[in-house]
Amino acid sequence: MAQRPKTKPKPQAASVEGESAEAILRAAGELFAQRGYAAVSMRQIATKSKQHLASANYYFGSKAGLFEAVFLRRIVPVNNRRIGLLNERRAHGKLTLDGIVDSYIRPLFEIDHTTTHPFSAKLIMQFSKQLLSNPDEHNYLLEYYADVSRTYIDALTTGGFGLSTQNAVWGYNYLVAVLVFTLAGKSSLAKLDESLLASLDPDESDDATIARLTRFICAGLAALGETK
C-alpha cells in the first residue's frame, strides 16, 4: 500500500454522504473484494460507479483513502456486534472460552447476510492483511480496534482460564491471525497438492467454518492457560 501520513484522516473519509459518494463506495467495495486492492484502479472504480474520477478523488483523496473508507463502514458494525454478543453472553452467566471466541468470529460471517453493503468479510480480511504487513502506516486506525482488543483481552485474563496478560495478548493475536488466514480462502493456503485441496468442501456452511475455528482457537487458548 502507498505510504500515507501517520495522522488521523478527516472525518469525511469514514462518513461521506451523498449519492455520488455512496455509488463510489459501493463500486469500490465490490471491486476490492473481487480483485484485491492492488489490482483495482481509481479509474475502474469511477467507471463502475458511473461517477467522475474527479469525484472519487474529491471525496476520498486517493485509492488508499477510499479503501480505508470502504473498510471502516464495515468494521465498525462488526466490532459493535462483537462487543454486543460478548455482553449478552456475560449477562446470561459466566463466559466460556468458546463463547468468547465465537462472539469474535461470528459477526464477520453474519454481517454479509444483514447489511446492504456485501463483501464485508473479504474486505476486512484484505485490510487486516495490510495492517499486519504495514502497521505503522495505519496508526490512526487503532482507535477502531482499541475497545475490541481491550475488551477481549480482559475477558480472557479475568475469565478464570489461567491466562496471564502476556498469554492473553498473544492468544488474542493468534485468534486474529488464524481468522484472517481462514477468510483469505484456498488461495492463501500452504502450497499443497491439488488432491489435498480438492478434499476441502467448497460449499461448507458458515456454521461449520465457525465451529472448526472456535474449536481450534479454544484449544490453543486453553493450552496457553496451562503454561506456567
Protein backbone atom coordinates (compact mmCIF):
# COMPACT_ATOMS: atom_id res chain seq x y z
CA MET A 1 0.00 0.00 0.00
CA ALA A 2 1.29 3.53 -0.72
CA GLN A 3 2.85 5.46 2.13
CA ARG A 4 0.38 7.68 3.95
CA PRO A 5 0.94 10.42 6.53
CA LYS A 6 0.70 8.98 10.02
CA THR A 7 -2.10 11.29 11.01
CA LYS A 8 -5.78 10.82 11.64
CA PRO A 9 -7.83 11.29 8.45
CA LYS A 10 -10.53 13.85 8.00
CA PRO A 11 -13.89 12.66 9.40
CA GLN A 12 -15.37 12.65 5.88
CA ALA A 13 -13.09 9.74 4.96
CA ALA A 14 -15.22 7.42 7.08
CA SER A 15 -18.63 9.03 6.76
CA VAL A 16 -19.13 10.80 3.47
CA GLU A 17 -22.71 11.41 2.36
CA GLY A 18 -24.48 11.85 -0.92
CA GLU A 19 -25.48 9.70 -3.87
CA SER A 20 -22.20 10.14 -5.70
CA ALA A 21 -20.06 9.14 -2.71
CA GLU A 22 -22.36 6.20 -1.96
CA ALA A 23 -22.11 4.94 -5.53
CA ILE A 24 -18.32 5.17 -5.38
CA LEU A 25 -18.17 3.32 -2.06
CA ARG A 26 -20.40 0.52 -3.32
CA ALA A 27 -18.44 0.08 -6.54
CA ALA A 28 -15.12 0.19 -4.72
CA GLY A 29 -16.29 -2.37 -2.18
CA GLU A 30 -17.30 -4.81 -4.91
CA LEU A 31 -14.11 -4.37 -6.93
CA PHE A 32 -11.75 -4.56 -3.95
CA ALA A 33 -13.49 -7.70 -2.70
CA GLN A 34 -13.36 -9.40 -6.09
CA ARG A 35 -9.89 -8.39 -7.28
CA GLY A 36 -7.91 -7.21 -4.27
CA TYR A 37 -6.51 -3.79 -3.52
CA ALA A 38 -3.53 -3.78 -5.88
CA ALA A 39 -5.49 -4.87 -8.98
CA VAL A 40 -8.07 -2.07 -8.81
CA SER A 41 -7.57 1.47 -10.07
CA MET A 42 -9.47 4.62 -9.22
CA ARG A 43 -10.46 4.90 -12.88
CA GLN A 44 -12.03 1.43 -12.78
CA ILE A 45 -13.95 2.39 -9.66
CA ALA A 46 -15.16 5.62 -11.28
CA THR A 47 -16.27 3.71 -14.37
CA LYS A 48 -18.15 1.05 -12.42
CA SER A 49 -19.82 3.64 -10.18
CA LYS A 50 -20.68 5.82 -13.21
CA GLN A 51 -19.13 8.79 -11.44
CA HIS A 52 -16.36 11.16 -12.50
CA LEU A 53 -12.82 10.24 -11.49
CA ALA A 54 -12.52 13.73 -10.04
CA SER A 55 -15.43 12.96 -7.68
CA ALA A 56 -13.69 9.87 -6.31
CA ASN A 57 -10.54 11.87 -5.67
CA TYR A 58 -12.51 14.75 -4.17
CA TYR A 59 -14.35 12.61 -1.63
CA PHE A 60 -11.57 10.19 -0.70
CA GLY A 61 -8.28 11.77 -1.75
CA SER A 62 -6.65 8.61 -3.05
CA LYS A 63 -7.19 4.91 -3.62
CA ALA A 64 -5.78 4.23 -0.15
CA GLY A 65 -8.22 6.71 1.37
CA LEU A 66 -11.12 5.11 -0.48
CA PHE A 67 -10.08 1.62 0.61
CA GLU A 68 -9.96 2.81 4.21
CA ALA A 69 -13.42 4.37 3.93
CA VAL A 70 -14.85 1.14 2.49
CA PHE A 71 -13.18 -0.82 5.29
CA LEU A 72 -14.35 1.45 8.11
CA ARG A 73 -18.02 1.32 7.16
CA ARG A 74 -17.79 -2.45 7.60
CA ILE A 75 -15.51 -2.88 10.61
CA VAL A 76 -17.48 -0.50 12.86
CA PRO A 77 -20.73 -2.54 12.80
CA VAL A 78 -18.73 -5.78 13.08
CA ASN A 79 -16.91 -4.57 16.18
CA ASN A 80 -20.13 -3.24 17.73
CA ARG A 81 -21.75 -6.62 17.17
CA ARG A 82 -18.77 -8.41 18.72
CA ILE A 83 -18.95 -6.44 21.93
CA GLY A 84 -22.74 -6.72 21.97
CA LEU A 85 -22.59 -10.51 21.68
CA LEU A 86 -19.93 -10.73 24.36
CA ASN A 87 -22.02 -8.62 26.74
CA GLU A 88 -25.13 -10.70 26.02
CA ARG A 89 -23.30 -13.89 26.89
CA ARG A 90 -21.79 -12.37 30.00
CA ALA A 91 -25.26 -11.29 31.12
CA HIS A 92 -26.50 -14.88 30.81
CA GLY A 93 -23.80 -16.32 33.05
CA LYS A 94 -20.08 -16.97 33.26
CA LEU A 95 -18.26 -16.55 29.96
CA THR A 96 -16.71 -19.64 28.41
CA LEU A 97 -13.75 -19.76 26.06
CA ASP A 98 -15.88 -20.96 23.19
CA GLY A 99 -18.44 -18.23 23.90
CA ILE A 100 -15.73 -15.57 23.78
CA VAL A 101 -14.16 -16.87 20.59
CA ASP A 102 -17.49 -17.45 18.84
CA SER A 103 -18.61 -13.90 19.65
CA TYR A 104 -15.49 -12.57 17.95
CA ILE A 105 -15.72 -14.75 14.84
CA ARG A 106 -19.46 -14.95 14.14
CA PRO A 107 -20.13 -11.25 13.35
CA LEU A 108 -17.77 -11.40 10.38
CA PHE A 109 -19.92 -14.08 8.81
CA GLU A 110 -23.22 -12.54 9.90
CA ILE A 111 -22.63 -9.09 8.50
CA ASP A 112 -22.87 -10.06 4.83
CA HIS A 113 -26.31 -11.55 5.45
CA THR A 114 -27.68 -8.47 7.20
CA THR A 115 -26.02 -5.46 5.58
CA THR A 116 -26.84 -3.70 2.35
CA HIS A 117 -23.08 -3.49 1.75
CA PRO A 118 -21.89 -7.04 1.00
CA PHE A 119 -18.35 -8.45 0.82
CA SER A 120 -17.59 -7.34 4.37
CA ALA A 121 -15.61 -10.41 5.41
CA LYS A 122 -13.39 -10.31 2.31
CA LEU A 123 -12.73 -6.60 2.64
CA ILE A 124 -11.94 -6.81 6.34
CA MET A 125 -9.62 -9.73 5.65
CA GLN A 126 -7.79 -7.79 2.93
CA PHE A 127 -7.40 -4.69 5.04
CA SER A 128 -6.33 -6.76 8.05
CA LYS A 129 -3.52 -8.21 5.95
CA GLN A 130 -2.48 -4.66 5.05
CA LEU A 131 -2.47 -3.71 8.72
CA LEU A 132 -0.41 -6.75 9.66
CA SER A 133 2.07 -6.09 6.85
CA ASN A 134 2.32 -2.32 7.28
CA PRO A 135 1.20 -1.46 10.82
CA ASP A 136 2.97 1.90 11.01
CA GLU A 137 1.04 3.23 8.01
CA HIS A 138 -2.30 2.93 9.78
CA ASN A 139 -1.67 4.02 13.37
CA TYR A 140 -4.83 6.13 13.48
CA LEU A 141 -6.95 3.02 12.85
CA LEU A 142 -6.02 1.73 16.30
CA GLU A 143 -8.96 3.71 17.67
CA TYR A 144 -11.33 1.42 15.78
CA TYR A 145 -9.77 -1.66 17.38
CA ALA A 146 -8.84 -0.38 20.83
CA ASP A 147 -12.14 -1.12 22.57
CA VAL A 148 -12.47 -4.56 21.00
CA SER A 149 -8.93 -5.73 21.71
CA ARG A 150 -9.03 -4.39 25.26
CA THR A 151 -12.43 -5.96 25.93
CA TYR A 152 -11.46 -9.39 24.62
CA ILE A 153 -8.06 -9.49 26.31
CA ASP A 154 -9.73 -8.51 29.58
CA ALA A 155 -12.32 -11.28 29.14
CA LEU A 156 -9.51 -13.79 28.59
CA THR A 157 -7.47 -12.69 31.59
CA THR A 158 -10.34 -12.36 34.09
CA GLY A 159 -12.48 -15.30 32.98
CA GLY A 160 -10.76 -17.93 35.10
CA PHE A 161 -8.94 -19.58 32.19
CA GLY A 162 -5.49 -19.32 33.79
CA LEU A 163 -4.24 -16.88 31.17
CA SER A 164 -1.66 -14.29 32.15
CA THR A 165 -1.94 -10.90 30.46
CA GLN A 166 1.02 -11.80 28.26
CA ASN A 167 -0.55 -15.07 27.10
CA ALA A 168 -3.94 -13.41 26.64
CA VAL A 169 -2.33 -10.79 24.39
CA TRP A 170 -0.58 -13.47 22.35
CA GLY A 171 -3.72 -15.60 22.28
CA TYR A 172 -5.80 -12.69 21.00
CA ASN A 173 -3.26 -12.03 18.25
CA TYR A 174 -3.23 -15.71 17.28
CA LEU A 175 -7.03 -15.57 17.05
CA VAL A 176 -6.87 -12.60 14.68
CA ALA A 177 -4.13 -14.17 12.54
CA VAL A 178 -5.93 -17.50 12.16
CA LEU A 179 -9.16 -15.73 11.28
CA VAL A 180 -7.52 -13.53 8.64
CA PHE A 181 -5.80 -16.55 7.08
CA THR A 182 -9.05 -18.52 7.01
CA LEU A 183 -11.02 -15.70 5.40
CA ALA A 184 -8.37 -15.42 2.70
CA GLY A 185 -9.63 -18.73 1.30
CA LYS A 186 -7.88 -21.54 -0.51
CA SER A 187 -5.66 -19.15 -2.47
CA SER A 188 -3.71 -18.35 0.70
CA LEU A 189 -3.33 -21.91 1.96
CA ALA A 190 0.08 -23.54 2.16
CA LYS A 191 1.22 -24.87 -1.20
CA LEU A 192 -0.44 -28.25 -1.18
CA ASP A 193 -1.08 -30.90 -3.77
CA GLU A 194 -4.29 -30.28 -5.68
CA SER A 195 -5.65 -33.62 -4.50
CA LEU A 196 -5.47 -32.34 -0.91
CA LEU A 197 -7.07 -29.02 -1.78
CA ALA A 198 -9.82 -30.93 -3.57
CA SER A 199 -10.75 -32.53 -0.25
CA LEU A 200 -11.97 -29.16 1.04
CA ASP A 201 -15.71 -28.68 0.86
CA PRO A 202 -16.39 -25.66 -1.41
CA ASP A 203 -19.93 -25.42 -0.06
CA GLU A 204 -19.10 -25.62 3.64
CA SER A 205 -21.61 -23.68 5.72
CA ASP A 206 -20.61 -20.67 7.77
CA ASP A 207 -21.63 -22.50 10.94
CA ALA A 208 -19.26 -25.37 10.14
CA THR A 209 -16.39 -22.94 9.50
CA ILE A 210 -17.12 -21.04 12.71
CA ALA A 211 -17.29 -24.27 14.71
CA ARG A 212 -13.92 -25.52 13.41
CA LEU A 213 -12.24 -22.17 14.01
CA THR A 214 -13.69 -21.98 17.51
CA ARG A 215 -12.53 -25.50 18.45
CA PHE A 216 -9.02 -24.85 17.14
CA ILE A 217 -8.57 -21.44 18.76
CA CYS A 218 -10.08 -22.53 22.08
CA ALA A 219 -7.68 -25.47 22.25
CA GLY A 220 -4.74 -23.11 21.79
CA LEU A 221 -6.02 -20.63 24.39
CA ALA A 222 -6.64 -23.43 26.87
CA ALA A 223 -3.08 -24.69 26.34
CA LEU A 224 -1.71 -21.18 26.96
CA GLY A 225 -3.71 -21.11 30.19
CA GLU A 226 -1.87 -24.20 31.34
CA THR A 227 1.53 -22.60 30.66
CA LYS A 228 3.39 -21.74 33.84
